[in-house]
Amino acid sequence: MRLEDQRESSNVEDRRASGMGRAGGLGIGTVAIVLLVSYFLGVDPSMLLGVAETVQGNAPGGQSQPIDPASDPEAALVSEMKKVLAMTEDTWGAIFQQGGGQYRRPSLVLYRGRTPTACGSGQAAMGPFYCPGDEKVYLDLAFFDEMARRFRAGGDFARAYVIAHEIGHHVQRLTGVTAETEKLRVRLSPVEYNKVSVRVELQADCFAGVWAQHTNRARSFLDPGDVEEALAAASAIGDDALQHQSRGVVVPDSFTHGSSAQRVRWFRAGFESGSLKSCDTFAAAAL
């Protein structure tokens, strides 16, 4: 993946030094007060701690200053993330403009451990995710270490695919898909809503493929083997692959992101067509 001449996005929040991974980033005094209040009110202390974390994280000064690039061992990776985000901004901005719309740029939050979000406390175990409440993508950089080591799905374009997938969810928010599917959450059983969730996630994979195709046409940034990296990553984090690795048993009714084969298929569909029309997973009879 060639990024030498690519600008870096300014829409990146670096919270890696915030200390949220250590005791939630709360002082000992704050924790003691929360425990006392929970005791007298009969409230679950973990709930109050979560509220305190969110308030502290959103308060002025609650976020740390970015790490000095000169002493940051992850400086190259952070720069890569900023450049990939910039490419999503440029490409989706052009696609929306061509369709007569306007693209609203989301932020990318880099953190370690956990961090407050408008969707609750973000934790490393959750993996990368998009929060529609604040229109931010949250990414614990440890996820990329896990991808390379545990799933053998490393590489710069594999990382770009992860970002592009989450940005795909932002596109869904801007186009109304998120609002429509959220209406179904209260009407469907968990098993039935899982099926909707799979279609949402596969569409985000397809949007990632569309982004890659359009971006490569505009600036020819892909190297030989890059697409294969993305496909390997999509396959490695399919629900069936993850369930088989963690449980030894695959339960399709519990899928929320799609199988390995489905994720590969829909990324490929978006990449080969370069058309948003090819990403209508909701109308597809078979995924």
Protein backbone atom coordinates (compact mmCIF):
# COMPACT_ATOMS: atom_id res chain seq x y z
CA MET A 1 0.00 0.00 0.00
CA ARG A 2 1.59 3.25 -1.15
CA LEU A 3 0.89 6.19 1.13
CA GLU A 4 4.00 8.34 0.71
CA ASP A 5 2.24 11.34 -0.87
CA GLN A 6 -1.03 10.98 1.06
CA ARG A 7 -2.01 13.72 3.51
CA GLU A 8 -2.82 12.93 7.13
CA SER A 9 -6.33 13.54 8.43
CA SER A 10 -6.71 16.00 11.28
CA ASN A 11 -9.82 14.16 12.52
CA VAL A 12 -7.88 11.77 14.77
CA GLU A 13 -8.04 11.80 18.57
CA ASP A 14 -5.07 10.13 20.22
CA ARG A 15 -6.11 8.93 23.66
CA ARG A 16 -3.45 6.26 24.10
CA ALA A 17 -1.83 8.15 26.98
CA SER A 18 -5.09 8.86 28.80
CA GLY A 19 -4.55 6.11 31.37
CA MET A 20 -8.09 4.78 30.90
CA GLY A 21 -6.70 1.26 30.81
CA ARG A 22 -5.52 1.59 34.41
CA ALA A 23 -8.32 1.48 36.99
CA GLY A 24 -10.59 3.14 34.47
CA GLY A 25 -8.53 6.34 34.64
CA LEU A 26 -10.33 7.34 37.89
CA GLY A 27 -8.50 8.59 40.94
CA ILE A 28 -8.52 6.60 44.19
CA GLY A 29 -10.68 9.27 45.84
CA THR A 30 -13.27 9.09 43.08
CA VAL A 31 -13.42 5.31 43.28
CA ALA A 32 -13.87 5.45 47.07
CA ILE A 33 -16.74 7.95 46.79
CA VAL A 34 -18.45 5.86 44.11
CA LEU A 35 -18.20 2.74 46.27
CA LEU A 36 -19.71 4.58 49.26
CA VAL A 37 -22.59 5.96 47.20
CA SER A 38 -23.31 2.55 45.68
CA TYR A 39 -23.35 0.98 49.16
CA PHE A 40 -25.92 3.41 50.59
CA LEU A 41 -28.09 3.55 47.47
CA GLY A 42 -27.94 -0.15 46.75
CA VAL A 43 -26.72 0.52 43.23
CA ASP A 44 -24.33 -1.65 41.22
CA PRO A 45 -20.93 0.09 41.70
CA SER A 46 -19.77 -0.91 38.20
CA MET A 47 -22.62 1.17 36.75
CA LEU A 48 -21.62 4.26 38.73
CA LEU A 49 -17.97 3.80 37.86
CA GLY A 50 -18.92 3.68 34.20
CA VAL A 51 -20.83 6.96 34.55
CA ALA A 52 -17.89 8.55 36.38
CA GLU A 53 -15.51 7.45 33.63
CA THR A 54 -17.73 8.96 30.95
CA VAL A 55 -18.08 12.26 32.83
CA GLN A 56 -14.34 12.47 33.44
CA GLY A 57 -13.51 11.54 29.86
CA ASN A 58 -15.88 14.18 28.49
CA ALA A 59 -14.84 16.90 30.91
CA PRO A 60 -12.28 19.53 29.92
CA GLY A 61 -8.86 18.04 30.39
CA GLY A 62 -10.32 14.53 30.57
CA GLN A 63 -8.41 13.50 27.47
CA SER A 64 -4.65 13.35 27.37
CA GLN A 65 -2.39 15.17 25.00
CA PRO A 66 -1.13 13.12 22.02
CA ILE A 67 2.11 11.27 22.50
CA ASP A 68 5.16 13.07 21.11
CA PRO A 69 5.88 11.42 17.71
CA ALA A 70 9.61 11.69 18.38
CA SER A 71 9.32 9.27 21.30
CA ASP A 72 6.31 7.26 20.13
CA PRO A 73 7.15 3.65 19.14
CA GLU A 74 3.83 3.54 17.24
CA ALA A 75 4.37 6.80 15.35
CA ALA A 76 4.53 5.09 11.95
CA LEU A 77 1.32 3.16 12.63
CA VAL A 78 -0.48 6.28 13.84
CA SER A 79 0.63 8.13 10.70
CA GLU A 80 -0.69 5.24 8.60
CA MET A 81 -4.06 5.43 10.36
CA LYS A 82 -4.27 9.19 9.72
CA LYS A 83 -3.48 8.69 6.04
CA VAL A 84 -6.03 5.90 5.61
CA LEU A 85 -8.68 8.03 7.31
CA ALA A 86 -7.80 10.91 4.97
CA MET A 87 -8.30 8.62 1.98
CA THR A 88 -11.75 7.64 3.26
CA GLU A 89 -12.58 11.33 3.62
CA ASP A 90 -11.46 12.14 0.09
CA THR A 91 -13.15 9.16 -1.55
CA TRP A 92 -16.47 9.25 0.29
CA GLY A 93 -16.56 13.02 -0.07
CA ALA A 94 -16.32 12.62 -3.85
CA ILE A 95 -18.89 9.79 -3.96
CA PHE A 96 -21.42 11.77 -1.92
CA GLN A 97 -20.82 14.88 -4.04
CA GLN A 98 -21.45 12.90 -7.22
CA GLY A 99 -24.75 11.76 -5.74
CA GLY A 100 -25.77 15.30 -4.85
CA GLY A 101 -25.07 14.91 -1.13
CA GLN A 102 -22.47 16.04 1.37
CA TYR A 103 -20.20 13.76 3.35
CA ARG A 104 -19.79 14.52 7.05
CA ARG A 105 -16.35 13.44 8.22
CA PRO A 106 -16.20 11.20 11.31
CA SER A 107 -13.36 11.13 13.83
CA LEU A 108 -11.04 8.22 14.55
CA VAL A 109 -10.17 7.67 18.21
CA LEU A 110 -7.00 5.72 18.96
CA TYR A 111 -6.74 4.30 22.47
CA ARG A 112 -5.28 1.56 24.63
CA GLY A 113 -7.28 -0.35 27.23
CA ARG A 114 -10.58 1.51 27.32
CA THR A 115 -12.07 4.92 26.72
CA PRO A 116 -15.40 6.74 27.19
CA THR A 117 -17.73 6.97 24.19
CA ALA A 118 -21.28 8.12 23.51
CA CYS A 119 -22.13 4.42 23.24
CA GLY A 120 -20.71 3.48 26.64
CA SER A 121 -17.22 2.51 27.68
CA GLY A 122 -15.10 1.30 24.77
CA GLN A 123 -12.89 -1.65 25.68
CA ALA A 124 -10.14 -3.49 23.86
CA ALA A 125 -12.11 -6.75 23.97
CA MET A 126 -14.83 -5.16 21.83
CA GLY A 127 -12.49 -4.71 18.88
CA PRO A 128 -12.81 -1.70 16.55
CA PHE A 129 -16.30 -0.20 16.44
CA TYR A 130 -18.27 2.78 15.19
CA CYS A 131 -20.44 4.77 17.59
CA PRO A 132 -23.32 6.55 15.80
CA GLY A 133 -23.99 8.63 18.92
CA ASP A 134 -20.83 10.69 18.46
CA GLU A 135 -19.94 9.64 14.89
CA LYS A 136 -16.54 8.34 15.87
CA VAL A 137 -14.63 5.16 15.06
CA TYR A 138 -12.88 3.68 18.10
CA LEU A 139 -9.76 1.60 17.66
CA ASP A 140 -7.51 0.04 20.27
CA LEU A 141 -4.26 -0.41 18.36
CA ALA A 142 -3.70 -3.71 20.17
CA PHE A 143 -6.31 -5.16 17.80
CA PHE A 144 -3.79 -5.06 14.96
CA ASP A 145 -1.28 -6.98 17.07
CA GLU A 146 -3.98 -9.58 17.68
CA MET A 147 -4.88 -9.74 13.99
CA ALA A 148 -1.29 -10.45 13.00
CA ARG A 149 -0.42 -12.82 15.84
CA ARG A 150 -3.63 -14.72 16.55
CA PHE A 151 -5.40 -14.57 13.20
CA ARG A 152 -2.36 -14.37 10.90
CA ALA A 153 -4.05 -11.50 9.07
CA GLY A 154 -1.45 -8.76 9.22
CA GLY A 155 -0.40 -6.22 6.63
CA ASP A 156 -1.03 -2.57 5.94
CA PHE A 157 -4.03 -3.06 3.67
CA ALA A 158 -5.57 -5.52 6.13
CA ARG A 159 -5.44 -2.67 8.65
CA ALA A 160 -6.87 -0.27 6.08
CA TYR A 161 -9.75 -2.70 5.48
CA VAL A 162 -10.61 -2.62 9.19
CA ILE A 163 -10.80 1.18 9.14
CA ALA A 164 -12.75 1.18 5.87
CA HIS A 165 -15.28 -1.29 7.30
CA GLU A 166 -15.97 0.94 10.31
CA ILE A 167 -16.23 4.00 8.06
CA GLY A 168 -18.78 1.93 6.12
CA HIS A 169 -20.96 2.05 9.23
CA HIS A 170 -20.66 5.83 9.21
CA VAL A 171 -21.84 5.85 5.60
CA GLN A 172 -24.81 3.75 6.73
CA ARG A 173 -25.63 6.37 9.35
CA LEU A 174 -25.47 9.18 6.82
CA THR A 175 -27.67 7.31 4.33
CA GLY A 176 -30.32 6.35 6.89
CA VAL A 177 -29.56 2.63 7.06
CA THR A 178 -28.60 2.80 10.74
CA ALA A 179 -31.83 4.55 11.76
CA GLU A 180 -33.99 2.06 9.86
CA THR A 181 -32.29 -1.02 11.26
CA GLU A 182 -32.38 0.35 14.82
CA LYS A 183 -36.17 0.49 14.56
CA LEU A 184 -36.14 -3.27 14.04
CA ARG A 185 -34.16 -3.91 17.22
CA VAL A 186 -37.18 -3.39 19.49
CA ARG A 187 -39.54 -5.36 17.26
CA LEU A 188 -37.51 -8.49 16.59
CA SER A 189 -36.27 -11.30 18.77
CA PRO A 190 -32.50 -11.43 19.41
CA VAL A 191 -32.13 -14.31 16.93
CA GLU A 192 -34.08 -12.46 14.23
CA TYR A 193 -32.21 -9.21 14.85
CA ASN A 194 -28.91 -11.07 14.53
CA LYS A 195 -29.90 -11.74 10.92
CA VAL A 196 -30.40 -8.03 10.37
CA SER A 197 -27.07 -7.30 12.03
CA VAL A 198 -25.32 -9.68 9.65
CA ARG A 199 -26.73 -7.80 6.65
CA VAL A 200 -25.62 -4.50 8.20
CA GLU A 201 -22.08 -5.77 8.71
CA LEU A 202 -21.80 -7.34 5.27
CA GLN A 203 -22.92 -4.09 3.70
CA ALA A 204 -20.13 -2.31 5.59
CA ASP A 205 -17.71 -4.87 4.13
CA CYS A 206 -19.08 -4.13 0.67
CA PHE A 207 -18.72 -0.39 1.24
CA ALA A 208 -15.09 -1.01 2.23
CA GLY A 209 -14.60 -2.71 -1.13
CA VAL A 210 -16.24 0.20 -2.97
CA TRP A 211 -13.96 2.63 -1.14
CA ALA A 212 -10.85 0.61 -2.09
CA GLN A 213 -11.86 0.50 -5.76
CA HIS A 214 -12.61 4.22 -6.04
CA THR A 215 -9.50 5.22 -4.11
CA ASN A 216 -7.27 3.03 -6.23
CA ARG A 217 -8.72 4.49 -9.41
CA ALA A 218 -7.97 8.00 -8.15
CA ARG A 219 -4.44 7.47 -6.88
CA SER A 220 -3.29 3.89 -7.56
CA PHE A 221 -2.25 3.14 -3.99
CA LEU A 222 -2.61 -0.64 -3.96
CA ASP A 223 0.35 -2.99 -4.25
CA PRO A 224 0.15 -6.57 -5.56
CA GLY A 225 -1.23 -8.76 -2.81
CA ASP A 226 -3.01 -5.97 -0.94
CA VAL A 227 -6.51 -7.13 -1.85
CA GLU A 228 -5.58 -10.64 -0.77
CA GLU A 229 -4.55 -9.16 2.62
CA ALA A 230 -8.01 -7.65 3.03
CA LEU A 231 -9.70 -10.88 2.01
CA ALA A 232 -7.56 -12.82 4.48
CA ALA A 233 -8.55 -10.39 7.23
CA ALA A 234 -12.24 -10.63 6.30
CA SER A 235 -12.01 -14.41 6.39
CA ALA A 236 -10.12 -14.47 9.71
CA ILE A 237 -12.73 -12.42 11.53
CA GLY A 238 -15.83 -14.16 10.17
CA ASP A 239 -18.22 -15.32 12.89
CA ASP A 240 -17.70 -18.99 12.11
CA ALA A 241 -13.91 -18.68 12.24
CA LEU A 242 -13.99 -16.78 15.54
CA GLN A 243 -16.50 -19.16 17.14
CA HIS A 244 -14.59 -22.23 16.03
CA GLN A 245 -11.38 -20.83 17.45
CA SER A 246 -12.83 -19.72 20.78
CA ARG A 247 -15.49 -22.40 21.42
CA GLY A 248 -14.79 -25.19 19.01
CA VAL A 249 -18.47 -25.01 18.00
CA VAL A 250 -20.15 -22.85 15.36
CA VAL A 251 -23.66 -21.50 16.09
CA PRO A 252 -25.05 -19.74 12.99
CA ASP A 253 -28.06 -18.29 14.84
CA SER A 254 -25.66 -16.25 16.97
CA PHE A 255 -23.81 -14.75 13.99
CA THR A 256 -23.78 -10.93 14.02
CA HIS A 257 -21.15 -10.13 11.35
CA GLY A 258 -21.40 -12.96 8.84
CA SER A 259 -19.35 -16.02 8.03
CA SER A 260 -15.85 -15.86 6.60
CA ALA A 261 -17.13 -16.74 3.13
CA GLN A 262 -19.84 -14.09 3.31
CA ARG A 263 -17.46 -11.35 4.43
CA VAL A 264 -15.05 -12.19 1.62
CA ARG A 265 -17.86 -12.31 -0.92
CA TRP A 266 -19.28 -8.89 -0.05
CA PHE A 267 -15.94 -7.09 0.15
CA ARG A 268 -15.11 -8.57 -3.24
CA ALA A 269 -18.52 -7.52 -4.62
CA GLY A 270 -17.88 -3.92 -3.65
CA PHE A 271 -14.31 -3.92 -4.89
CA GLU A 272 -15.01 -5.51 -8.25
CA SER A 273 -18.05 -3.36 -9.06
CA GLY A 274 -17.10 -0.10 -7.36
CA SER A 275 -20.83 0.54 -7.14
CA LEU A 276 -22.96 1.18 -4.07
CA LYS A 277 -25.85 -0.54 -5.86
CA SER A 278 -23.97 -3.82 -5.55
CA CYS A 279 -24.03 -3.48 -1.75
CA ASP A 280 -27.76 -3.94 -1.12
CA THR A 281 -27.38 -6.84 1.28
CA PHE A 282 -30.95 -6.29 2.53
CA ALA A 283 -32.42 -7.19 -0.86
CA ALA A 284 -30.14 -10.17 -1.40
CA ALA A 285 -31.96 -13.51 -1.26
CA ALA A 286 -28.73 -15.29 -0.34
CA LEU A 287 -25.76 -13.80 1.46
